[in-house]
Structures are given as C-alpha cells and as structure tokens.
Protein backbone atom coordinates (compact mmCIF):
# COMPACT_ATOMS: atom_id res chain seq x y z
CA MET A 1 79.48 158.62 93.51
CA GLU A 2 76.40 160.43 94.88
CA ASP A 3 76.86 164.19 95.38
CA PHE A 4 76.08 165.22 98.96
CA SER A 5 77.17 168.84 98.52
CA GLU A 6 73.64 170.21 98.77
CA ASP A 7 72.94 168.07 101.86
CA TYR A 8 76.13 169.36 103.47
CA LYS A 9 75.12 172.93 102.69
CA VAL A 10 71.80 172.36 104.47
CA ILE A 11 73.62 170.73 107.40
CA GLU A 12 75.96 173.72 107.68
CA GLU A 13 73.00 176.10 107.82
CA LYS A 14 71.19 174.02 110.45
CA LEU A 15 74.27 173.65 112.63
CA SER A 16 74.92 177.40 112.41
CA ILE A 17 71.39 178.07 113.64
CA LEU A 18 71.84 175.57 116.49
CA GLU A 19 75.15 177.10 117.53
CA LYS A 20 73.66 180.60 117.56
CA LYS A 21 70.78 179.40 119.73
CA LYS A 22 73.24 177.73 122.15
CA LEU A 23 75.32 180.89 122.43
CA ASP A 24 72.24 183.10 122.78
CA THR A 25 71.13 181.09 125.81
CA LEU A 26 74.46 181.86 127.47
CA ASN A 27 73.96 185.66 127.15
CA LEU A 28 77.68 186.37 127.24
CA ASN A 29 77.22 190.14 127.36
CA ALA A 30 75.31 189.94 130.62
CA ILE A 31 77.95 187.89 132.43
CA THR A 32 80.36 189.47 134.89
CA PHE A 33 83.43 187.86 136.37
CA SER A 34 85.38 188.34 139.54
CA PRO A 35 89.06 189.31 139.13
CA GLN A 36 90.03 185.83 140.24
CA GLN A 37 87.87 184.31 137.54
CA LEU A 38 89.21 186.64 134.85
CA MET A 39 92.73 185.50 135.64
CA ALA A 40 91.85 181.81 135.56
CA ASP A 41 93.32 179.81 132.70
CA ARG A 42 90.17 177.84 132.28
CA ASP A 43 87.47 180.44 132.47
CA ILE A 44 84.56 178.67 130.83
CA GLU A 45 83.25 181.37 128.55
CA ARG A 46 86.69 182.42 127.40
CA GLU A 47 87.34 178.83 126.46
CA LYS A 48 84.06 178.78 124.53
CA GLN A 49 84.88 182.00 122.70
CA ILE A 50 88.35 180.77 121.78
CA ARG A 51 87.01 177.52 120.39
CA ASP A 52 84.17 178.99 118.30
CA ASN A 53 86.09 179.37 115.05
CA THR A 54 87.95 176.06 115.26
CA LEU A 55 86.21 173.49 117.41
CA ASN A 56 82.75 174.12 116.05
CA GLU A 57 84.02 173.40 112.55
CA LYS A 58 85.47 170.13 113.80
CA ILE A 59 82.18 169.18 115.47
CA LYS A 60 80.26 170.07 112.31
CA GLU A 61 82.53 167.85 110.25
CA TYR A 62 82.13 165.10 112.82
CA PHE A 63 78.34 165.37 112.66
CA LYS A 64 78.49 165.14 108.86
CA ILE A 65 80.34 161.86 109.15
CA LEU A 66 77.65 160.47 111.43
CA SER A 67 74.76 161.34 109.13
CA ASP A 68 74.38 162.81 105.66
CA GLU A 69 71.36 164.72 106.91
CA ILE A 70 69.84 166.22 110.01
CA PRO A 71 66.10 165.70 109.55
CA ASP A 72 63.87 168.71 110.14
CA PHE A 73 61.84 166.97 112.85
CA LEU A 74 65.01 166.39 114.87
CA ASN A 75 65.95 170.07 114.83
CA GLU A 76 62.61 170.97 116.35
CA TYR A 77 63.18 168.67 119.31
CA ILE A 78 66.80 169.80 119.69
CA ASN A 79 65.66 173.40 120.00
CA THR A 80 63.33 172.76 122.95
CA LYS A 81 64.23 174.38 126.27
CA GLU A 82 64.83 171.07 128.00
CA MET A 83 67.35 169.92 125.40
CA GLN A 84 69.10 173.29 125.21
CA LYS A 85 69.80 173.11 128.96
CA GLN A 86 72.23 170.32 128.14
CA SER A 87 74.43 172.78 126.22
CA GLY A 88 75.82 174.07 129.54
CA ILE A 89 76.95 170.65 130.77
CA SER A 90 80.24 169.05 129.71
CA VAL A 91 80.44 165.34 128.99
CA SER A 92 83.70 165.33 130.97
CA CYS A 93 81.89 164.83 134.33
CA GLY A 94 83.59 168.01 135.52
CA THR A 95 87.17 166.99 134.71
CA TYR A 96 87.26 169.73 132.07
CA TYR A 97 87.64 172.32 134.82
CA THR A 98 90.92 171.16 136.36
CA LYS A 99 94.53 171.34 135.16
CA LEU A 100 95.02 167.71 136.16
CA PHE A 101 94.19 166.81 132.57
CA ASP A 102 95.60 167.91 129.25
CA LYS A 103 93.45 170.56 127.60
CA MET A 104 90.21 168.95 126.49
CA ILE A 105 87.82 169.91 123.71
CA TRP A 106 84.60 171.38 125.07
CA TYR A 107 81.83 168.96 124.14
CA SER A 108 78.46 169.36 125.77
CA SER A 109 75.86 166.84 126.80
CA LEU A 110 73.72 168.36 124.04
CA ASP A 111 76.46 167.70 121.48
CA HIS A 112 76.63 164.08 122.63
CA SER A 113 72.85 163.67 122.50
CA ILE A 114 72.65 165.11 118.98
CA ALA A 115 75.47 162.84 117.84
CA VAL A 116 73.80 159.74 119.31
CA SER A 117 70.54 160.63 117.58
CA LEU A 118 72.37 161.09 114.25
CA ILE A 119 73.95 157.66 114.55
CA VAL A 120 70.57 156.08 115.31
CA TRP A 121 68.98 157.94 112.40
CA ASN A 122 71.79 156.94 110.06
CA PHE A 123 71.33 153.23 110.77
CA THR A 124 67.57 153.00 111.30
CA LYS A 125 65.81 156.00 109.71
CA ASP A 126 63.29 155.47 112.52
CA LYS A 127 61.90 158.60 114.16
CA LYS A 128 61.01 157.02 117.51
CA GLN A 129 64.39 155.36 117.97
CA THR A 130 66.14 158.57 116.93
CA LEU A 131 64.22 160.64 119.49
CA ALA A 132 64.90 158.05 122.19
CA GLY A 133 68.59 158.52 121.41
CA LEU A 134 68.25 162.28 121.58
CA PHE A 135 66.42 162.21 124.93
CA HIS A 136 68.60 159.60 126.64
CA ASP A 137 70.59 162.23 128.60
CA ILE A 138 67.87 164.86 128.97
CA ALA A 139 67.95 164.28 132.75
CA THR A 140 71.71 164.77 133.00
CA PRO A 141 72.69 167.10 135.88
CA VAL A 142 75.79 169.30 136.11
CA PHE A 143 79.06 167.34 136.30
CA LYS A 144 77.20 164.40 134.78
CA HIS A 145 78.23 161.06 136.35
CA SER A 146 79.89 162.82 139.28
CA ILE A 147 76.36 163.19 140.63
CA ASP A 148 76.02 159.40 140.37
CA PHE A 149 79.05 159.30 142.67
CA MET A 150 77.20 161.68 144.99
CA ASN A 151 74.29 159.23 144.94
CA GLY A 152 76.62 156.29 145.66
CA ASP A 153 76.11 154.79 142.19
CA TYR A 154 79.74 154.07 141.23
CA GLU A 155 79.25 150.89 139.24
CA LYS A 156 76.21 151.44 137.00
CA GLN A 157 76.23 155.27 136.89
CA GLU A 158 72.52 155.40 136.03
CA SER A 159 71.04 157.04 139.14
CA THR A 160 69.94 160.22 137.36
CA GLU A 161 68.07 158.52 134.48
CA GLU A 162 64.87 158.10 136.51
CA LEU A 163 63.90 161.72 135.80
CA THR A 164 63.82 161.31 131.99
CA THR A 165 60.11 160.49 131.76
CA ARG A 166 59.15 163.28 134.14
CA ILE A 167 61.14 165.91 132.25
CA ILE A 168 59.58 164.91 128.93
CA ASN A 169 56.06 164.82 130.39
CA GLU A 170 56.45 168.25 131.96
CA SER A 171 57.82 169.87 128.79
CA GLN A 172 55.04 171.64 126.92
CA GLU A 173 57.25 172.01 123.86
CA ILE A 174 58.24 168.36 123.65
CA MET A 175 54.73 167.08 124.42
CA LYS A 176 53.26 169.30 121.70
CA LEU A 177 55.75 167.96 119.15
CA LEU A 178 55.14 164.36 120.21
CA LYS A 179 51.39 164.81 119.89
CA ARG A 180 51.83 166.31 116.42
CA ASP A 181 54.00 163.37 115.39
CA GLY A 182 51.69 160.76 116.89
CA ILE A 183 54.36 159.47 119.27
CA LYS A 184 53.75 158.28 122.84
CA VAL A 185 56.10 159.24 125.68
CA GLU A 186 56.79 155.59 126.47
CA GLU A 187 58.09 155.14 122.92
CA VAL A 188 60.89 157.69 123.39
CA ASP A 189 61.66 157.96 127.11
CA ASN A 190 63.73 154.78 127.42
CA TYR A 191 66.37 154.21 124.78
CA HIS A 192 67.28 150.88 126.39
CA ILE A 193 64.36 149.29 124.48
CA TYR A 194 66.09 149.95 121.16
CA PRO A 195 69.24 147.81 120.73
CA ILE A 196 70.81 150.05 118.09
CA ALA A 197 70.54 153.02 120.46
CA ASP A 198 71.64 151.14 123.59
CA ASN A 199 72.51 147.65 124.75
CA ASP A 200 74.52 145.96 127.49
CA THR A 201 78.29 146.11 127.82
CA PRO A 202 80.37 144.94 125.97
CA MET A 203 78.13 145.22 122.90
CA LEU A 204 78.35 148.17 120.50
CA SER A 205 75.48 150.66 120.45
CA ALA A 206 75.01 154.21 119.17
CA ASP A 207 75.63 155.65 122.64
CA ARG A 208 78.76 153.60 123.30
CA LEU A 209 80.06 154.23 119.79
CA GLU A 210 79.49 157.96 120.02
CA TYR A 211 81.27 158.64 123.28
CA THR A 212 84.17 156.47 122.13
CA LEU A 213 84.55 158.37 118.86
CA SER A 214 84.15 161.85 120.32
CA ASN A 215 86.28 161.16 123.39
CA GLY A 216 89.02 159.91 121.08
CA LEU A 217 88.71 163.05 118.95
CA GLY A 218 90.04 165.12 121.83
CA VAL A 219 87.09 165.43 124.17
CA ARG A 220 88.96 163.06 126.46
CA LYS A 221 92.20 162.19 124.66
CA LYS A 222 93.60 162.67 121.16
CA VAL A 223 93.39 159.11 119.89
CA TRP A 224 92.29 159.71 116.31
CA ASN A 225 91.42 162.42 113.79
CA LEU A 226 88.36 162.93 111.62
CA ASN A 227 89.75 160.75 108.84
CA ASP A 228 90.22 157.90 111.32
CA ILE A 229 86.67 158.35 112.56
CA LYS A 230 85.30 158.30 109.03
CA GLU A 231 87.22 155.10 108.26
CA ILE A 232 85.87 153.46 111.41
CA TYR A 233 82.31 154.70 111.00
CA ASP A 234 81.99 153.82 107.33
CA ASN A 235 82.95 150.25 108.18
CA ILE A 236 80.04 149.79 110.59
CA GLU A 237 76.71 148.22 109.68
CA VAL A 238 73.76 146.60 111.45
CA GLN A 239 74.45 142.91 112.09
CA LYS A 240 72.80 140.12 114.07
CA ASN A 241 74.48 139.15 117.33
CA GLU A 242 74.54 135.82 119.18
CA GLN A 243 70.95 136.29 120.35
CA GLY A 244 69.73 137.18 116.87
CA ILE A 245 69.29 140.82 117.94
CA ASP A 246 70.34 143.80 115.84
CA GLU A 247 73.68 145.26 116.85
CA LEU A 248 76.21 147.59 115.26
CA GLY A 249 79.21 145.64 113.96
CA PHE A 250 82.26 145.92 111.73
CA LYS A 251 82.81 144.51 108.25
CA ASP A 252 86.62 144.51 108.44
CA LYS A 253 88.69 142.97 111.25
CA THR A 254 91.66 145.34 110.83
CA ILE A 255 89.50 148.43 111.21
CA ALA A 256 87.72 146.86 114.17
CA GLU A 257 91.11 146.23 115.80
CA LYS A 258 91.97 149.90 115.31
CA PHE A 259 88.75 150.86 117.06
CA VAL A 260 89.38 148.46 119.94
CA LYS A 261 92.91 149.81 120.47
CA GLY A 262 91.53 153.34 120.82
CA MET A 263 88.70 152.09 123.00
CA ARG A 264 91.18 150.51 125.41
CA ILE A 265 93.17 153.74 125.81
CA LEU A 266 89.97 155.59 126.61
CA SER A 267 88.66 152.84 128.88
CA ASN A 268 91.76 153.07 131.06
CA SER A 269 91.47 156.86 131.23
CA TYR A 270 87.87 156.70 132.48
CA ILE A 271 88.98 154.89 135.64
CA ASP A 272 92.42 156.35 136.27
CA ASN A 273 92.89 157.86 139.71
CA LYS A 274 92.84 161.45 138.47
CA THR A 275 89.38 160.89 137.06
CA LYS A 276 87.95 158.95 140.00
CA LEU A 277 89.32 161.43 142.53
CA SER A 278 87.98 164.40 140.55
CA MET A 279 84.50 162.92 140.22
CA GLN A 280 84.35 162.03 143.92
CA PHE A 281 85.68 165.46 144.84
CA LEU A 282 82.95 167.23 142.84
CA ALA A 283 80.37 164.90 144.36
CA ASP A 284 81.61 165.81 147.85
CA ILE A 285 81.59 169.52 146.99
CA MET A 286 77.96 169.26 145.86
CA LYS A 287 77.01 167.20 148.90
CA ASN A 288 78.56 169.71 151.31
CA MET A 289 76.96 172.67 149.56
CA SER A 290 73.63 170.88 149.77
CA TYR A 291 74.07 170.26 153.52
CA LYS A 292 74.77 173.97 153.98
CA ASN A 293 71.75 174.96 151.86
CA LEU A 294 74.01 176.61 149.28
CA ILE A 295 72.63 174.56 146.41
CA THR A 296 69.51 172.48 145.82
CA LYS A 297 68.88 169.30 143.90
CA LYS A 298 66.82 171.40 141.51
CA ASP A 299 69.86 173.58 140.83
CA LEU A 300 71.81 170.54 139.65
CA TYR A 301 69.27 170.07 136.86
CA GLU A 302 68.43 173.66 136.00
CA LEU A 303 71.72 175.56 136.25
CA SER A 304 74.68 175.38 133.89
CA GLU A 305 78.05 174.18 135.14
CA LYS A 306 79.34 177.73 134.85
CA GLU A 307 76.58 178.96 137.17
CA VAL A 308 77.25 176.19 139.69
CA ILE A 309 81.00 176.89 139.64
CA GLU A 310 80.25 180.55 140.37
CA LYS A 311 78.24 179.43 143.40
CA ILE A 312 81.16 177.28 144.57
CA GLU A 313 83.81 179.94 144.11
CA ASN A 314 81.72 182.73 145.65
CA CYS A 315 80.27 180.83 148.62
CA ASN A 316 81.03 182.12 152.12
CA TYR A 317 82.45 178.79 153.26
CA LYS A 318 86.12 179.15 152.40
CA ASP A 319 86.69 175.50 153.21
CA ILE A 320 84.67 174.71 150.08
CA SER A 321 85.88 177.46 147.75
CA LYS A 322 89.57 177.07 148.67
CA LYS A 323 89.52 173.32 148.17
CA PHE A 324 87.78 173.74 144.82
CA ASN A 325 90.38 176.28 143.74
CA PHE A 326 93.18 173.91 144.83
CA TRP A 327 91.70 171.08 142.72
CA LYS A 328 91.02 173.41 139.80
CA ASN A 329 94.66 174.52 139.65
CA ALA A 330 96.31 171.21 140.54
CA TYR A 331 98.60 169.60 137.98
CA GLU A 332 98.99 166.28 139.76
CA ILE A 333 97.53 164.05 142.42
CA LYS A 334 99.28 161.71 144.83
CA GLU A 335 98.71 157.96 144.98
CA SER A 336 99.26 155.25 147.56
CA ASP A 337 98.35 151.65 148.27
CA LYS A 338 97.61 152.66 151.86
CA GLU A 339 95.08 155.17 153.11
CA VAL A 340 96.67 158.52 153.92
CA LYS A 341 95.21 160.14 157.03
CA GLY A 342 94.67 163.89 157.25
CA LYS A 343 94.35 164.30 153.47
CA TYR A 344 91.52 164.28 150.98
CA CYS A 345 92.00 160.60 150.21
CA VAL A 346 89.62 158.40 148.20
CA ASN A 347 89.34 154.75 147.18
CA ILE A 348 86.72 154.04 144.49
CA ASN A 349 85.79 151.07 142.35
CA ALA A 350 84.26 152.66 139.27
CA LYS A 351 82.44 151.33 136.23
CA ILE A 352 84.70 149.72 133.61
CA ARG A 353 83.65 150.82 130.15
CA TYR A 354 84.79 148.57 127.34
CA ILE A 355 83.56 147.23 124.00
CA ASN A 356 83.93 143.81 122.36
CA PRO A 357 82.32 144.54 118.98
CA LEU A 358 81.03 142.20 116.32
CA VAL A 359 82.94 141.57 113.12
CA ASN A 360 80.62 139.93 110.61
CA GLY A 361 78.55 138.43 113.40
CA LYS A 362 81.39 137.22 115.63
CA ARG A 363 82.95 138.90 118.68
CA ILE A 364 86.32 140.32 117.75
CA SER A 365 87.89 138.73 120.83
CA GLU A 366 87.12 135.34 119.25
CA ILE A 367 88.88 136.07 115.95
CA SER A 368 91.66 138.54 116.83
CA GLU A 369 94.47 138.03 119.34
CA ILE A 370 95.30 141.73 119.05
CA ALA A 371 91.79 142.77 120.09
CA LYS A 372 91.61 140.06 122.75
CA GLU A 373 94.75 141.44 124.38
CA GLU A 374 93.47 145.03 124.24
CA ILE A 375 90.20 144.04 125.88
CA LYS A 376 92.15 142.17 128.55
CA LYS A 377 94.14 145.36 129.22
CA ALA A 378 90.89 147.26 129.63
CA LEU A 379 89.44 144.73 132.07
CA GLU A 380 92.62 144.24 134.10
CA TYR A 381 93.70 147.87 134.35
CA LYS A 382 94.95 148.61 137.85
CA THR A 383 95.78 151.78 139.73
CA TYR A 384 97.10 152.53 143.18
CA LYS A 385 94.40 151.78 145.73
CA TYR A 386 94.17 155.36 147.02
CA ALA A 387 94.44 158.80 145.45
CA TYR A 388 94.68 162.04 147.41
CA LEU A 389 95.15 165.78 147.34
CA ASP A 390 97.14 167.73 149.87
CA PHE A 391 94.33 169.09 152.04
CA ASP A 392 92.14 167.62 154.75
CA ASN A 393 88.91 165.77 154.09
CA PHE A 394 85.50 167.41 154.28
C-alpha cells in the first residue's frame, strides 16, 4: 500500500496555516461584546474558540479523505481576500444561531468551497475545474440561501450567483493569479459547465456530494462519522450517465444505499418547518433593516455574520432586535394547517434537495427497492402548511 504519511504531514501544515489566517482575519482581541451577548449560549466567537481543538481536527481529517493532497496553486487562491470573506459565513443559512436546532458543527462557506475543490481535484486533476469548484460560492452573502428567500427565490435558490463573475473580475489578487496561470475568467466563473463539479438534480456532483457528506458529519445532523464518509467516498468513481456525460457514481450498491439513506434524512431536514421559518425570518429581518437604512446590500456581501448579528441586536428598532432575540432563544416553533392571524406565520414551498446516484452506470432507484423507497420519502415529505412564532408579523 502506498505511504501517504508525508503527504498528510504537508496537508497538516497547510491546513494549520489556513486556519491561522482565518482566525487572524477575525481579530478576536479587538472584539467587544455587550453583557447580553456575553451571556448568550451561542456567542459566535466563543463557539469558535471552543471548537478549535476538536472540530478543526475533524475537518482536517475530512479534507484528507477528500484528497490526498492540497495542491500549492489552490492554497494561493484560497488565501485571497475574496475567498477568506467566506470564512465568516456559515453554510447553515443562519440556522446555526438559534436554539431551535440541536447544536451544529460550525462549518463555513469557505470550508465548503475548499472541500468541493478538493473533490473536483481528486477526480479530475484539472486546475480550471478545481478553481471553478472553489469559486462557486464566492458570491455567497451572509445567511446564505436565506437571502435567496429575501429575493423571492425559494425554488432554485440561485439568485446570488450572478455576482460571481464580477467579484472575480474586481479581485486584483485573483486576476493576477489567473493571468499567471494562463486561465480566463470565463473558464472558472461558472462551475455549471463542468459536470463533475455541478450538474442537475438528482445527479451526483462534487457540490451535492460535499454538502451531503459534511451536513451528515454534524454540520446539519449526525448521520455518519469519518469512517462512514471514507467508506462512501472511496467507493465513488467517475462513470458515464444516460447521456454519456461524466458523473460521479458508486461501484457498490450496498454502499450507495447507505449514502441514499443518509441523504434522505438530510433532505427532509432542509425543508422542515423549523428551517423554512428560520430562513424566511432572517430574510424578513434583513429586508426590514434595509427598508430602515440599517443595512445595505453591500453589507450582506462584505460583513461577516457576526458583524451583521451585532447590527441586528444593537439596532434602535426594538421590534427587530426583540424578535431576533426571541427566535435566537426559541426551542420550538408552532405549526398549523391553517394560517394563524396575529403571529409571525409563514407558508413556504422550498427547494427539495435529493440525489439518485449512479451505480455502475445505472440509477440506484432502478436497481434497489431500498433506495427507491428512500428517494420517494425525500420527494413526498410533508409538513404542516404553516409554521409560526408567538409574536406579530413585521
């Protein structure tokens, strides 16, 4: 068996440098908190400090599973200012900040982007495709897809992607690196052109695979451990799908069934009423703060979530700050099949995320009754029509 110990040593060193850079950008020593914030169970920086010695090791091990190496060129792009901004944004779409959910692992948009790029690199060894994977969320604003809700994009959740090209073009650091590497912007600003990086639901791509694996590791729910992830990942290869296009697929049906079972649990959680209400609530908070000139669209893309939350909690409009504090400290929501007047009550049809992966060139739903049933559960998942919190609407 090939010895990867030296590669792992290099990976450890590179990840340590990246983590230091991420923490340096936060400037913890310069941050002050209000008494209310210091007492909060989910103070963001305290959570980050607590997790440093444990979570970061788990993420490092996870990254090692995804790729035996982190190429030097990739580190240079990761360390650009535009990519590092993503370190202050959680992939949870803001649900990390409320007690409605079991304690989640902090996992940033930067972490997700690095992981996607490592998957693409592992299966293609192609620099352009890898960078397209890295940049695919470079235009992600605070609270992630909650801002799609703010923009009325509930089904596709792609309304913020239009800024990707602009951000890359306006980055002196990224443009300098691209020029050095002989790469055009149009070759890396749209990962949809590379089927290993991204493809249409329900196919399996690097992006869809990554958020399923990491969300199941505890970012969303504890579905599997690192050994499970390694078993799943090591069983994946590039196959040809029905259209003769490259797609990630499984070699073993049993392992693919295991993946689909976990996928279904996560799929249901993405559209449960706690999640949909929370995302709409944050969208409404941002919309109201924008109307009152308390926050700008630019802020959504340039500030960290911690900085935006400080603006919310310290704003002079108590209607906003009190409602946010209520949501932040809530342990449950209420549900109904009828609209409840006089409450913050929402009814949302959100995007269903599910995967029907290939197994040796065939869709698993065609060869496995177990997987077919799990996919059916994902597609037919129902909730109460309305979800609400016990305060009046905005």
